[in-house]
Amino acid sequence: MNRDVIQGNWKQLKGKVRERWARLTDDQIDVIAGKRDQLAGKIQELYGITRDEVDKQIRDFEETNAAYRRRAGPGH
């Protein structure tokens, strides 16, 4: 899932992000606004895990939520 897809589908993904990383507040999720780097940084900060682990978790999340990628189609 590329950054455009994450940002383009952020409204649909926000709830799933909140379920996956429950320590994120609604305000933090709103500030992140689909920006993958900001999401990764905030997860790393809140959970005290390495950047490699964060990247793995986000990749797993993206794969699990691939339906959003297919629904957005190319160019979104």
C-alpha atoms as a PDB file:
ATOM      1  CA  MET A   1       0.000   0.000   0.000  1.00  0.00           C
ATOM      2  CA  ASN A   2       1.653   3.210  -1.045  1.00  0.00           C
ATOM      3  CA  ARG A   3       1.454   6.504   0.795  1.00  0.00           C
ATOM      4  CA  ASP A   4      -1.184   7.909  -1.544  1.00  0.00           C
ATOM      5  CA  VAL A   5      -3.468   4.969  -0.826  1.00  0.00           C
ATOM      6  CA  ILE A   6      -2.963   5.280   2.907  1.00  0.00           C
ATOM      7  CA  GLN A   7      -3.755   8.996   2.752  1.00  0.00           C
ATOM      8  CA  GLY A   8      -6.568   8.556   0.249  1.00  0.00           C
ATOM      9  CA  ASN A   9      -8.299   5.971   2.410  1.00  0.00           C
ATOM     10  CA  TRP A  10      -7.405   7.409   5.777  1.00  0.00           C
ATOM     11  CA  LYS A  11     -11.016   7.964   6.841  1.00  0.00           C
ATOM     12  CA  GLN A  12     -11.780   4.284   6.291  1.00  0.00           C
ATOM     13  CA  LEU A  13      -8.516   3.106   7.852  1.00  0.00           C
ATOM     14  CA  LYS A  14      -8.583   5.291  10.975  1.00  0.00           C
ATOM     15  CA  GLY A  15     -10.784   2.876  12.892  1.00  0.00           C
ATOM     16  CA  LYS A  16      -8.636  -0.084  11.942  1.00  0.00           C
ATOM     17  CA  VAL A  17      -5.473   1.822  12.916  1.00  0.00           C
ATOM     18  CA  ARG A  18      -7.063   2.605  16.272  1.00  0.00           C
ATOM     19  CA  GLU A  19      -7.952  -1.065  16.775  1.00  0.00           C
ATOM     20  CA  ARG A  20      -4.432  -2.215  15.873  1.00  0.00           C
ATOM     21  CA  TRP A  21      -2.532   0.416  17.881  1.00  0.00           C
ATOM     22  CA  ALA A  22      -4.915   1.269  20.710  1.00  0.00           C
ATOM     23  CA  ARG A  23      -2.466   3.611  22.451  1.00  0.00           C
ATOM     24  CA  LEU A  24      -2.910   6.132  19.634  1.00  0.00           C
ATOM     25  CA  THR A  25      -5.397   8.813  20.571  1.00  0.00           C
ATOM     26  CA  ASP A  26      -7.995  10.176  18.181  1.00  0.00           C
ATOM     27  CA  ASP A  27      -6.104  13.477  18.119  1.00  0.00           C
ATOM     28  CA  GLN A  28      -2.849  11.724  17.221  1.00  0.00           C
ATOM     29  CA  ILE A  29      -4.587   9.770  14.478  1.00  0.00           C
ATOM     30  CA  ASP A  30      -6.044  13.000  13.087  1.00  0.00           C
ATOM     31  CA  VAL A  31      -2.606  14.664  13.074  1.00  0.00           C
ATOM     32  CA  ILE A  32      -1.031  11.634  11.362  1.00  0.00           C
ATOM     33  CA  ALA A  33      -3.656  11.973   8.610  1.00  0.00           C
ATOM     34  CA  GLY A  34      -2.425   8.939   6.690  1.00  0.00           C
ATOM     35  CA  LYS A  35       1.239   9.900   6.612  1.00  0.00           C
ATOM     36  CA  ARG A  36       3.097   6.616   6.970  1.00  0.00           C
ATOM     37  CA  ASP A  37       6.277   8.142   8.419  1.00  0.00           C
ATOM     38  CA  GLN A  38       4.318   9.989  11.095  1.00  0.00           C
ATOM     39  CA  LEU A  39       2.347   6.857  11.905  1.00  0.00           C
ATOM     40  CA  ALA A  40       5.561   4.859  12.231  1.00  0.00           C
ATOM     41  CA  GLY A  41       7.199   7.467  14.446  1.00  0.00           C
ATOM     42  CA  LYS A  42       4.241   7.708  16.774  1.00  0.00           C
ATOM     43  CA  ILE A  43       3.922   3.919  17.078  1.00  0.00           C
ATOM     44  CA  GLN A  44       7.635   3.661  17.825  1.00  0.00           C
ATOM     45  CA  GLU A  45       7.343   6.364  20.489  1.00  0.00           C
ATOM     46  CA  LEU A  46       4.236   4.963  22.168  1.00  0.00           C
ATOM     47  CA  TYR A  47       5.207   1.302  22.126  1.00  0.00           C
ATOM     48  CA  GLY A  48       8.975   1.619  22.583  1.00  0.00           C
ATOM     49  CA  ILE A  49       9.811  -0.712  19.709  1.00  0.00           C
ATOM     50  CA  THR A  50      12.454  -0.524  16.997  1.00  0.00           C
ATOM     51  CA  ARG A  51      11.855   1.123  13.654  1.00  0.00           C
ATOM     52  CA  ASP A  52      12.322  -2.260  11.959  1.00  0.00           C
ATOM     53  CA  GLU A  53       9.555  -3.758  14.108  1.00  0.00           C
ATOM     54  CA  VAL A  54       7.296  -0.776  13.415  1.00  0.00           C
ATOM     55  CA  ASP A  55       7.866  -1.114   9.677  1.00  0.00           C
ATOM     56  CA  LYS A  56       7.029  -4.825   9.896  1.00  0.00           C
ATOM     57  CA  GLN A  57       3.831  -4.118  11.828  1.00  0.00           C
ATOM     58  CA  ILE A  58       2.747  -1.485   9.311  1.00  0.00           C
ATOM     59  CA  ARG A  59       3.487  -3.805   6.375  1.00  0.00           C
ATOM     60  CA  ASP A  60       1.427  -6.539   8.052  1.00  0.00           C
ATOM     61  CA  PHE A  61      -1.368  -4.026   8.649  1.00  0.00           C
ATOM     62  CA  GLU A  62      -1.259  -2.933   5.003  1.00  0.00           C
ATOM     63  CA  GLU A  63      -1.431  -6.535   3.788  1.00  0.00           C
ATOM     64  CA  THR A  64      -4.329  -7.289   6.124  1.00  0.00           C
ATOM     65  CA  ASN A  65      -6.187  -4.247   4.815  1.00  0.00           C
ATOM     66  CA  ALA A  66      -5.362  -4.757   1.132  1.00  0.00           C
ATOM     67  CA  ALA A  67      -9.041  -4.399   0.234  1.00  0.00           C
ATOM     68  CA  TYR A  68      -8.636  -0.645   0.618  1.00  0.00           C
ATOM     69  CA  ARG A  69      -5.810  -0.722  -1.898  1.00  0.00           C
ATOM     70  CA  ARG A  70      -7.904  -2.642  -4.430  1.00  0.00           C
ATOM     71  CA  ARG A  71     -10.909  -0.407  -3.898  1.00  0.00           C
ATOM     72  CA  ALA A  72      -8.856   2.764  -4.432  1.00  0.00           C
ATOM     73  CA  GLY A  73      -7.531   1.530  -7.756  1.00  0.00           C
ATOM     74  CA  PRO A  74      -4.539   2.936  -9.640  1.00  0.00           C
ATOM     75  CA  GLY A  75      -3.701   6.598  -9.390  1.00  0.00           C
ATOM     76  CA  HIS A  76      -5.394   7.148  -6.006  1.00  0.00           C
END
